[in-house]
Amino acid sequence: YERASNIQEYSRIAGKDMGDGPLL
């Protein structure tokens, strides 16, 4: 659960528009 959820969130961060949110 934790690992899959973490990588889900990494994917969301990596998919953000440039300049939006924290840098990956």
mmCIF file of all heavy atoms, coordinates in Angstrom:
data_MODEL
# 
_entry.id   MODEL 
# 
loop_
_atom_site.group_PDB 
_atom_site.id 
_atom_site.type_symbol 
_atom_site.label_atom_id 
_atom_site.label_alt_id 
_atom_site.label_comp_id 
_atom_site.label_asym_id 
_atom_site.label_entity_id 
_atom_site.label_seq_id 
_atom_site.pdbx_PDB_ins_code 
_atom_site.Cartn_x 
_atom_site.Cartn_y 
_atom_site.Cartn_z 
_atom_site.occupancy 
_atom_site.B_iso_or_equiv 
_atom_site.pdbx_formal_charge 
_atom_site.auth_seq_id 
_atom_site.auth_comp_id 
_atom_site.auth_asym_id 
_atom_site.auth_atom_id 
_atom_site.pdbx_PDB_model_num 
ATOM 1   N N   . TYR A 1 1  ? 0.818  -1.215 0.000   1.00 0.00 ? 1  TYR A N   1 
ATOM 2   C CA  . TYR A 1 1  ? 0.000  0.000  0.000   1.00 0.00 ? 1  TYR A CA  1 
ATOM 3   C C   . TYR A 1 1  ? 0.853  1.268  0.000   1.00 0.00 ? 1  TYR A C   1 
ATOM 4   O O   . TYR A 1 1  ? 0.658  2.167  -0.817  1.00 0.00 ? 1  TYR A O   1 
ATOM 5   C CB  . TYR A 1 1  ? -0.932 -0.017 1.211   1.00 0.00 ? 1  TYR A CB  1 
ATOM 6   C CG  . TYR A 1 1  ? -2.037 1.016  1.172   1.00 0.00 ? 1  TYR A CG  1 
ATOM 7   C CD1 . TYR A 1 1  ? -3.257 0.725  0.567   1.00 0.00 ? 1  TYR A CD1 1 
ATOM 8   C CD2 . TYR A 1 1  ? -1.879 2.261  1.747   1.00 0.00 ? 1  TYR A CD2 1 
ATOM 9   C CE1 . TYR A 1 1  ? -4.280 1.656  0.538   1.00 0.00 ? 1  TYR A CE1 1 
ATOM 10  C CE2 . TYR A 1 1  ? -2.889 3.205  1.718   1.00 0.00 ? 1  TYR A CE2 1 
ATOM 11  C CZ  . TYR A 1 1  ? -4.096 2.898  1.115   1.00 0.00 ? 1  TYR A CZ  1 
ATOM 12  O OH  . TYR A 1 1  ? -5.109 3.828  1.081   1.00 0.00 ? 1  TYR A OH  1 
ATOM 13  N N   . GLU A 1 2  ? 1.809  1.336  0.914   1.00 0.00 ? 2  GLU A N   1 
ATOM 14  C CA  . GLU A 1 2  ? 2.603  2.556  1.032   1.00 0.00 ? 2  GLU A CA  1 
ATOM 15  C C   . GLU A 1 2  ? 3.476  2.779  -0.196  1.00 0.00 ? 2  GLU A C   1 
ATOM 16  O O   . GLU A 1 2  ? 3.566  3.895  -0.715  1.00 0.00 ? 2  GLU A O   1 
ATOM 17  C CB  . GLU A 1 2  ? 3.469  2.507  2.289   1.00 0.00 ? 2  GLU A CB  1 
ATOM 18  C CG  . GLU A 1 2  ? 4.296  3.757  2.499   1.00 0.00 ? 2  GLU A CG  1 
ATOM 19  C CD  . GLU A 1 2  ? 5.110  3.714  3.783   1.00 0.00 ? 2  GLU A CD  1 
ATOM 20  O OE1 . GLU A 1 2  ? 4.947  2.751  4.559   1.00 0.00 ? 2  GLU A OE1 1 
ATOM 21  O OE2 . GLU A 1 2  ? 5.905  4.654  3.998   1.00 0.00 ? 2  GLU A OE2 1 
ATOM 22  N N   . ARG A 1 3  ? 4.113  1.715  -0.666  1.00 0.00 ? 3  ARG A N   1 
ATOM 23  C CA  . ARG A 1 3  ? 5.005  1.874  -1.828  1.00 0.00 ? 3  ARG A CA  1 
ATOM 24  C C   . ARG A 1 3  ? 4.212  2.306  -3.059  1.00 0.00 ? 3  ARG A C   1 
ATOM 25  O O   . ARG A 1 3  ? 4.601  3.262  -3.744  1.00 0.00 ? 3  ARG A O   1 
ATOM 26  C CB  . ARG A 1 3  ? 5.743  0.574  -2.110  1.00 0.00 ? 3  ARG A CB  1 
ATOM 27  C CG  . ARG A 1 3  ? 6.537  0.614  -3.424  1.00 0.00 ? 3  ARG A CG  1 
ATOM 28  C CD  . ARG A 1 3  ? 7.490  -0.547 -3.548  1.00 0.00 ? 3  ARG A CD  1 
ATOM 29  N NE  . ARG A 1 3  ? 8.032  -0.679 -4.895  1.00 0.00 ? 3  ARG A NE  1 
ATOM 30  C CZ  . ARG A 1 3  ? 9.035  0.034  -5.387  1.00 0.00 ? 3  ARG A CZ  1 
ATOM 31  N NH1 . ARG A 1 3  ? 9.601  0.964  -4.643  1.00 0.00 ? 3  ARG A NH1 1 
ATOM 32  N NH2 . ARG A 1 3  ? 9.469  -0.166 -6.623  1.00 0.00 ? 3  ARG A NH2 1 
ATOM 33  N N   . ALA A 1 4  ? 3.124  1.627  -3.365  1.00 0.00 ? 4  ALA A N   1 
ATOM 34  C CA  . ALA A 1 4  ? 2.347  1.981  -4.554  1.00 0.00 ? 4  ALA A CA  1 
ATOM 35  C C   . ALA A 1 4  ? 1.779  3.390  -4.426  1.00 0.00 ? 4  ALA A C   1 
ATOM 36  O O   . ALA A 1 4  ? 1.773  4.159  -5.402  1.00 0.00 ? 4  ALA A O   1 
ATOM 37  C CB  . ALA A 1 4  ? 1.230  0.968  -4.765  1.00 0.00 ? 4  ALA A CB  1 
ATOM 38  N N   . SER A 1 5  ? 1.326  3.753  -3.237  1.00 0.00 ? 5  SER A N   1 
ATOM 39  C CA  . SER A 1 5  ? 0.774  5.094  -3.032  1.00 0.00 ? 5  SER A CA  1 
ATOM 40  C C   . SER A 1 5  ? 1.854  6.155  -3.203  1.00 0.00 ? 5  SER A C   1 
ATOM 41  O O   . SER A 1 5  ? 1.596  7.227  -3.776  1.00 0.00 ? 5  SER A O   1 
ATOM 42  C CB  . SER A 1 5  ? 0.142  5.192  -1.635  1.00 0.00 ? 5  SER A CB  1 
ATOM 43  O OG  . SER A 1 5  ? -0.930 4.272  -1.502  1.00 0.00 ? 5  SER A OG  1 
ATOM 44  N N   . ASN A 1 6  ? 3.061  5.889  -2.710  1.00 0.00 ? 6  ASN A N   1 
ATOM 45  C CA  . ASN A 1 6  ? 4.157  6.839  -2.869  1.00 0.00 ? 6  ASN A CA  1 
ATOM 46  C C   . ASN A 1 6  ? 4.489  7.063  -4.339  1.00 0.00 ? 6  ASN A C   1 
ATOM 47  O O   . ASN A 1 6  ? 4.680  8.201  -4.790  1.00 0.00 ? 6  ASN A O   1 
ATOM 48  C CB  . ASN A 1 6  ? 5.401  6.343  -2.137  1.00 0.00 ? 6  ASN A CB  1 
ATOM 49  C CG  . ASN A 1 6  ? 5.311  6.527  -0.642  1.00 0.00 ? 6  ASN A CG  1 
ATOM 50  O OD1 . ASN A 1 6  ? 4.454  7.251  -0.142  1.00 0.00 ? 6  ASN A OD1 1 
ATOM 51  N ND2 . ASN A 1 6  ? 6.185  5.865  0.088   1.00 0.00 ? 6  ASN A ND2 1 
ATOM 52  N N   . ILE A 1 7  ? 4.569  5.973  -5.093  1.00 0.00 ? 7  ILE A N   1 
ATOM 53  C CA  . ILE A 1 7  ? 4.937  6.107  -6.505  1.00 0.00 ? 7  ILE A CA  1 
ATOM 54  C C   . ILE A 1 7  ? 3.802  6.772  -7.284  1.00 0.00 ? 7  ILE A C   1 
ATOM 55  O O   . ILE A 1 7  ? 4.049  7.524  -8.243  1.00 0.00 ? 7  ILE A O   1 
ATOM 56  C CB  . ILE A 1 7  ? 5.325  4.738  -7.094  1.00 0.00 ? 7  ILE A CB  1 
ATOM 57  C CG1 . ILE A 1 7  ? 6.573  4.219  -6.368  1.00 0.00 ? 7  ILE A CG1 1 
ATOM 58  C CG2 . ILE A 1 7  ? 5.595  4.845  -8.588  1.00 0.00 ? 7  ILE A CG2 1 
ATOM 59  C CD1 . ILE A 1 7  ? 7.021  2.852  -6.795  1.00 0.00 ? 7  ILE A CD1 1 
ATOM 60  N N   . GLN A 1 8  ? 2.556  6.529  -6.872  1.00 0.00 ? 8  GLN A N   1 
ATOM 61  C CA  . GLN A 1 8  ? 1.440  7.281  -7.447  1.00 0.00 ? 8  GLN A CA  1 
ATOM 62  C C   . GLN A 1 8  ? 1.668  8.782  -7.290  1.00 0.00 ? 8  GLN A C   1 
ATOM 63  O O   . GLN A 1 8  ? 1.487  9.557  -8.230  1.00 0.00 ? 8  GLN A O   1 
ATOM 64  C CB  . GLN A 1 8  ? 0.143  6.914  -6.724  1.00 0.00 ? 8  GLN A CB  1 
ATOM 65  C CG  . GLN A 1 8  ? -0.691 5.823  -7.363  1.00 0.00 ? 8  GLN A CG  1 
ATOM 66  C CD  . GLN A 1 8  ? -2.006 5.679  -6.633  1.00 0.00 ? 8  GLN A CD  1 
ATOM 67  O OE1 . GLN A 1 8  ? -2.061 5.563  -5.417  1.00 0.00 ? 8  GLN A OE1 1 
ATOM 68  N NE2 . GLN A 1 8  ? -3.079 5.700  -7.381  1.00 0.00 ? 8  GLN A NE2 1 
ATOM 69  N N   . GLU A 1 9  ? 2.048  9.163  -6.074  1.00 0.00 ? 9  GLU A N   1 
ATOM 70  C CA  . GLU A 1 9  ? 2.241  10.585 -5.799  1.00 0.00 ? 9  GLU A CA  1 
ATOM 71  C C   . GLU A 1 9  ? 3.445  11.128 -6.560  1.00 0.00 ? 9  GLU A C   1 
ATOM 72  O O   . GLU A 1 9  ? 3.416  12.264 -7.062  1.00 0.00 ? 9  GLU A O   1 
ATOM 73  C CB  . GLU A 1 9  ? 2.423  10.810 -4.296  1.00 0.00 ? 9  GLU A CB  1 
ATOM 74  C CG  . GLU A 1 9  ? 2.466  12.277 -3.888  1.00 0.00 ? 9  GLU A CG  1 
ATOM 75  C CD  . GLU A 1 9  ? 1.208  13.044 -4.270  1.00 0.00 ? 9  GLU A CD  1 
ATOM 76  O OE1 . GLU A 1 9  ? 0.123  12.430 -4.396  1.00 0.00 ? 9  GLU A OE1 1 
ATOM 77  O OE2 . GLU A 1 9  ? 1.316  14.284 -4.449  1.00 0.00 ? 9  GLU A OE2 1 
ATOM 78  N N   . TYR A 1 10 ? 4.516  10.336 -6.676  1.00 0.00 ? 10 TYR A N   1 
ATOM 79  C CA  . TYR A 1 10 ? 5.664  10.768 -7.469  1.00 0.00 ? 10 TYR A CA  1 
ATOM 80  C C   . TYR A 1 10 ? 5.233  11.038 -8.910  1.00 0.00 ? 10 TYR A C   1 
ATOM 81  O O   . TYR A 1 10 ? 5.683  12.002 -9.545  1.00 0.00 ? 10 TYR A O   1 
ATOM 82  C CB  . TYR A 1 10 ? 6.765  9.706  -7.473  1.00 0.00 ? 10 TYR A CB  1 
ATOM 83  C CG  . TYR A 1 10 ? 7.329  9.341  -6.128  1.00 0.00 ? 10 TYR A CG  1 
ATOM 84  C CD1 . TYR A 1 10 ? 8.034  8.147  -5.958  1.00 0.00 ? 10 TYR A CD1 1 
ATOM 85  C CD2 . TYR A 1 10 ? 7.170  10.167 -5.022  1.00 0.00 ? 10 TYR A CD2 1 
ATOM 86  C CE1 . TYR A 1 10 ? 8.561  7.792  -4.722  1.00 0.00 ? 10 TYR A CE1 1 
ATOM 87  C CE2 . TYR A 1 10 ? 7.692  9.809  -3.786  1.00 0.00 ? 10 TYR A CE2 1 
ATOM 88  C CZ  . TYR A 1 10 ? 8.379  8.625  -3.647  1.00 0.00 ? 10 TYR A CZ  1 
ATOM 89  O OH  . TYR A 1 10 ? 8.894  8.274  -2.433  1.00 0.00 ? 10 TYR A OH  1 
ATOM 90  N N   . SER A 1 11 ? 4.375  10.172 -9.435  1.00 0.00 ? 11 SER A N   1 
ATOM 91  C CA  . SER A 1 11 ? 3.904  10.339 -10.812 1.00 0.00 ? 11 SER A CA  1 
ATOM 92  C C   . SER A 1 11 ? 3.108  11.630 -10.949 1.00 0.00 ? 11 SER A C   1 
ATOM 93  O O   . SER A 1 11 ? 3.210  12.334 -11.962 1.00 0.00 ? 11 SER A O   1 
ATOM 94  C CB  . SER A 1 11 ? 3.046  9.145  -11.226 1.00 0.00 ? 11 SER A CB  1 
ATOM 95  O OG  . SER A 1 11 ? 3.822  7.971  -11.292 1.00 0.00 ? 11 SER A OG  1 
ATOM 96  N N   . ARG A 1 12 ? 2.304  11.937 -9.941  1.00 0.00 ? 12 ARG A N   1 
ATOM 97  C CA  . ARG A 1 12 ? 1.529  13.184 -9.989  1.00 0.00 ? 12 ARG A CA  1 
ATOM 98  C C   . ARG A 1 12 ? 2.462  14.393 -9.991  1.00 0.00 ? 12 ARG A C   1 
ATOM 99  O O   . ARG A 1 12 ? 2.262  15.345 -10.746 1.00 0.00 ? 12 ARG A O   1 
ATOM 100 C CB  . ARG A 1 12 ? 0.575  13.249 -8.796  1.00 0.00 ? 12 ARG A CB  1 
ATOM 101 C CG  . ARG A 1 12 ? -0.515 12.182 -8.822  1.00 0.00 ? 12 ARG A CG  1 
ATOM 102 C CD  . ARG A 1 12 ? -1.428 12.306 -7.620  1.00 0.00 ? 12 ARG A CD  1 
ATOM 103 N NE  . ARG A 1 12 ? -2.425 11.228 -7.603  1.00 0.00 ? 12 ARG A NE  1 
ATOM 104 C CZ  . ARG A 1 12 ? -2.525 10.309 -6.638  1.00 0.00 ? 12 ARG A CZ  1 
ATOM 105 N NH1 . ARG A 1 12 ? -1.692 10.356 -5.600  1.00 0.00 ? 12 ARG A NH1 1 
ATOM 106 N NH2 . ARG A 1 12 ? -3.442 9.372  -6.712  1.00 0.00 ? 12 ARG A NH2 1 
ATOM 107 N N   . ILE A 1 13 ? 3.487  14.333 -9.118  1.00 0.00 ? 13 ILE A N   1 
ATOM 108 C CA  . ILE A 1 13 ? 4.436  15.449 -9.039  1.00 0.00 ? 13 ILE A CA  1 
ATOM 109 C C   . ILE A 1 13 ? 5.186  15.593 -10.357 1.00 0.00 ? 13 ILE A C   1 
ATOM 110 O O   . ILE A 1 13 ? 5.364  16.701 -10.880 1.00 0.00 ? 13 ILE A O   1 
ATOM 111 C CB  . ILE A 1 13 ? 5.413  15.237 -7.873  1.00 0.00 ? 13 ILE A CB  1 
ATOM 112 C CG1 . ILE A 1 13 ? 4.662  15.277 -6.532  1.00 0.00 ? 13 ILE A CG1 1 
ATOM 113 C CG2 . ILE A 1 13 ? 6.513  16.283 -7.897  1.00 0.00 ? 13 ILE A CG2 1 
ATOM 114 C CD1 . ILE A 1 13 ? 5.523  14.871 -5.349  1.00 0.00 ? 13 ILE A CD1 1 
ATOM 115 N N   . ALA A 1 14 ? 5.632  14.448 -10.902 1.00 0.00 ? 14 ALA A N   1 
ATOM 116 C CA  . ALA A 1 14 ? 6.383  14.492 -12.162 1.00 0.00 ? 14 ALA A CA  1 
ATOM 117 C C   . ALA A 1 14 ? 5.531  15.001 -13.313 1.00 0.00 ? 14 ALA A C   1 
ATOM 118 O O   . ALA A 1 14 ? 6.055  15.531 -14.295 1.00 0.00 ? 14 ALA A O   1 
ATOM 119 C CB  . ALA A 1 14 ? 6.919  13.095 -12.491 1.00 0.00 ? 14 ALA A CB  1 
ATOM 120 N N   . GLY A 1 15 ? 4.224  14.861 -13.207 1.00 0.00 ? 15 GLY A N   1 
ATOM 121 C CA  . GLY A 1 15 ? 3.335  15.281 -14.286 1.00 0.00 ? 15 GLY A CA  1 
ATOM 122 C C   . GLY A 1 15 ? 2.849  16.707 -14.181 1.00 0.00 ? 15 GLY A C   1 
ATOM 123 O O   . GLY A 1 15 ? 2.113  17.176 -15.062 1.00 0.00 ? 15 GLY A O   1 
ATOM 124 N N   . LYS A 1 16 ? 3.236  17.402 -13.113 1.00 0.00 ? 16 LYS A N   1 
ATOM 125 C CA  . LYS A 1 16 ? 2.793  18.792 -12.970 1.00 0.00 ? 16 LYS A CA  1 
ATOM 126 C C   . LYS A 1 16 ? 3.431  19.677 -14.028 1.00 0.00 ? 16 LYS A C   1 
ATOM 127 O O   . LYS A 1 16 ? 4.519  19.406 -14.530 1.00 0.00 ? 16 LYS A O   1 
ATOM 128 C CB  . LYS A 1 16 ? 3.135  19.313 -11.572 1.00 0.00 ? 16 LYS A CB  1 
ATOM 129 C CG  . LYS A 1 16 ? 2.279  18.722 -10.462 1.00 0.00 ? 16 LYS A CG  1 
ATOM 130 C CD  . LYS A 1 16 ? 2.613  19.347 -9.126  1.00 0.00 ? 16 LYS A CD  1 
ATOM 131 C CE  . LYS A 1 16 ? 1.717  18.800 -8.020  1.00 0.00 ? 16 LYS A CE  1 
ATOM 132 N NZ  . LYS A 1 16 ? 0.302  19.179 -8.231  1.00 0.00 ? 16 LYS A NZ  1 
ATOM 133 N N   . ASP A 1 17 ? 2.716  20.747 -14.351 1.00 0.00 ? 17 ASP A N   1 
ATOM 134 C CA  . ASP A 1 17 ? 3.250  21.712 -15.307 1.00 0.00 ? 17 ASP A CA  1 
ATOM 135 C C   . ASP A 1 17 ? 4.512  22.349 -14.737 1.00 0.00 ? 17 ASP A C   1 
ATOM 136 O O   . ASP A 1 17 ? 4.649  22.517 -13.520 1.00 0.00 ? 17 ASP A O   1 
ATOM 137 C CB  . ASP A 1 17 ? 2.220  22.801 -15.595 1.00 0.00 ? 17 ASP A CB  1 
ATOM 138 C CG  . ASP A 1 17 ? 1.004  22.248 -16.329 1.00 0.00 ? 17 ASP A CG  1 
ATOM 139 O OD1 . ASP A 1 17 ? 1.116  21.144 -16.889 1.00 0.00 ? 17 ASP A OD1 1 
ATOM 140 O OD2 . ASP A 1 17 ? -0.043 22.922 -16.319 1.00 0.00 ? 17 ASP A OD2 1 
ATOM 141 N N   . MET A 1 18 ? 5.418  22.705 -15.619 1.00 0.00 ? 18 MET A N   1 
ATOM 142 C CA  . MET A 1 18 ? 6.665  23.338 -15.177 1.00 0.00 ? 18 MET A CA  1 
ATOM 143 C C   . MET A 1 18 ? 6.350  24.637 -14.446 1.00 0.00 ? 18 MET A C   1 
ATOM 144 O O   . MET A 1 18 ? 5.583  25.472 -14.925 1.00 0.00 ? 18 MET A O   1 
ATOM 145 C CB  . MET A 1 18 ? 7.577  23.602 -16.376 1.00 0.00 ? 18 MET A CB  1 
ATOM 146 C CG  . MET A 1 18 ? 8.118  22.327 -17.010 1.00 0.00 ? 18 MET A CG  1 
ATOM 147 S SD  . MET A 1 18 ? 9.254  22.654 -18.382 1.00 0.00 ? 18 MET A SD  1 
ATOM 148 C CE  . MET A 1 18 ? 10.613 23.420 -17.506 1.00 0.00 ? 18 MET A CE  1 
ATOM 149 N N   . GLY A 1 19 ? 6.935  24.780 -13.264 1.00 0.00 ? 19 GLY A N   1 
ATOM 150 C CA  . GLY A 1 19 ? 6.675  25.960 -12.444 1.00 0.00 ? 19 GLY A CA  1 
ATOM 151 C C   . GLY A 1 19 ? 5.571  25.766 -11.440 1.00 0.00 ? 19 GLY A C   1 
ATOM 152 O O   . GLY A 1 19 ? 5.372  26.614 -10.562 1.00 0.00 ? 19 GLY A O   1 
ATOM 153 N N   . ASP A 1 20 ? 4.827  24.670 -11.537 1.00 0.00 ? 20 ASP A N   1 
ATOM 154 C CA  . ASP A 1 20 ? 3.752  24.382 -10.591 1.00 0.00 ? 20 ASP A CA  1 
ATOM 155 C C   . ASP A 1 20 ? 4.216  23.345 -9.580  1.00 0.00 ? 20 ASP A C   1 
ATOM 156 O O   . ASP A 1 20 ? 4.664  22.261 -9.966  1.00 0.00 ? 20 ASP A O   1 
ATOM 157 C CB  . ASP A 1 20 ? 2.517  23.838 -11.309 1.00 0.00 ? 20 ASP A CB  1 
ATOM 158 C CG  . ASP A 1 20 ? 1.864  24.891 -12.181 1.00 0.00 ? 20 ASP A CG  1 
ATOM 159 O OD1 . ASP A 1 20 ? 2.205  26.080 -12.011 1.00 0.00 ? 20 ASP A OD1 1 
ATOM 160 O OD2 . ASP A 1 20 ? 1.020  24.529 -13.011 1.00 0.00 ? 20 ASP A OD2 1 
ATOM 161 N N   . GLY A 1 21 ? 4.120  23.666 -8.302  1.00 0.00 ? 21 GLY A N   1 
ATOM 162 C CA  . GLY A 1 21 ? 4.438  22.692 -7.267  1.00 0.00 ? 21 GLY A CA  1 
ATOM 163 C C   . GLY A 1 21 ? 5.929  22.509 -7.093  1.00 0.00 ? 21 GLY A C   1 
ATOM 164 O O   . GLY A 1 21 ? 6.751  23.143 -7.761  1.00 0.00 ? 21 GLY A O   1 
ATOM 165 N N   . PRO A 1 22 ? 6.303  21.596 -6.179  1.00 0.00 ? 22 PRO A N   1 
ATOM 166 C CA  . PRO A 1 22 ? 7.728  21.372 -5.880  1.00 0.00 ? 22 PRO A CA  1 
ATOM 167 C C   . PRO A 1 22 ? 8.440  20.673 -7.036  1.00 0.00 ? 22 PRO A C   1 
ATOM 168 O O   . PRO A 1 22 ? 7.833  19.937 -7.809  1.00 0.00 ? 22 PRO A O   1 
ATOM 169 C CB  . PRO A 1 22 ? 7.684  20.459 -4.647  1.00 0.00 ? 22 PRO A CB  1 
ATOM 170 C CG  . PRO A 1 22 ? 6.362  19.745 -4.761  1.00 0.00 ? 22 PRO A CG  1 
ATOM 171 C CD  . PRO A 1 22 ? 5.415  20.727 -5.380  1.00 0.00 ? 22 PRO A CD  1 
ATOM 172 N N   . LEU A 1 23 ? 9.734  20.933 -7.144  1.00 0.00 ? 23 LEU A N   1 
ATOM 173 C CA  . LEU A 1 23 ? 10.531 20.243 -8.152  1.00 0.00 ? 23 LEU A CA  1 
ATOM 174 C C   . LEU A 1 23 ? 10.703 18.781 -7.766  1.00 0.00 ? 23 LEU A C   1 
ATOM 175 O O   . LEU A 1 23 ? 10.834 18.438 -6.593  1.00 0.00 ? 23 LEU A O   1 
ATOM 176 C CB  . LEU A 1 23 ? 11.905 20.911 -8.282  1.00 0.00 ? 23 LEU A CB  1 
ATOM 177 C CG  . LEU A 1 23 ? 11.916 22.329 -8.861  1.00 0.00 ? 23 LEU A CG  1 
ATOM 178 C CD1 . LEU A 1 23 ? 13.335 22.892 -8.815  1.00 0.00 ? 23 LEU A CD1 1 
ATOM 179 C CD2 . LEU A 1 23 ? 11.385 22.341 -10.288 1.00 0.00 ? 23 LEU A CD2 1 
ATOM 180 N N   . LEU A 1 24 ? 10.694 17.929 -8.750  1.00 0.00 ? 24 LEU A N   1 
ATOM 181 C CA  . LEU A 1 24 ? 10.845 16.494 -8.513  1.00 0.00 ? 24 LEU A CA  1 
ATOM 182 C C   . LEU A 1 24 ? 12.322 16.157 -8.361  1.00 0.00 ? 24 LEU A C   1 
ATOM 183 O O   . LEU A 1 24 ? 13.134 16.485 -9.237  1.00 0.00 ? 24 LEU A O   1 
ATOM 184 C CB  . LEU A 1 24 ? 10.251 15.703 -9.677  1.00 0.00 ? 24 LEU A CB  1 
ATOM 185 C CG  . LEU A 1 24 ? 10.295 14.179 -9.557  1.00 0.00 ? 24 LEU A CG  1 
ATOM 186 C CD1 . LEU A 1 24 ? 9.349  13.715 -8.461  1.00 0.00 ? 24 LEU A CD1 1 
ATOM 187 C CD2 . LEU A 1 24 ? 9.916  13.525 -10.880 1.00 0.00 ? 24 LEU A CD2 1 
# 
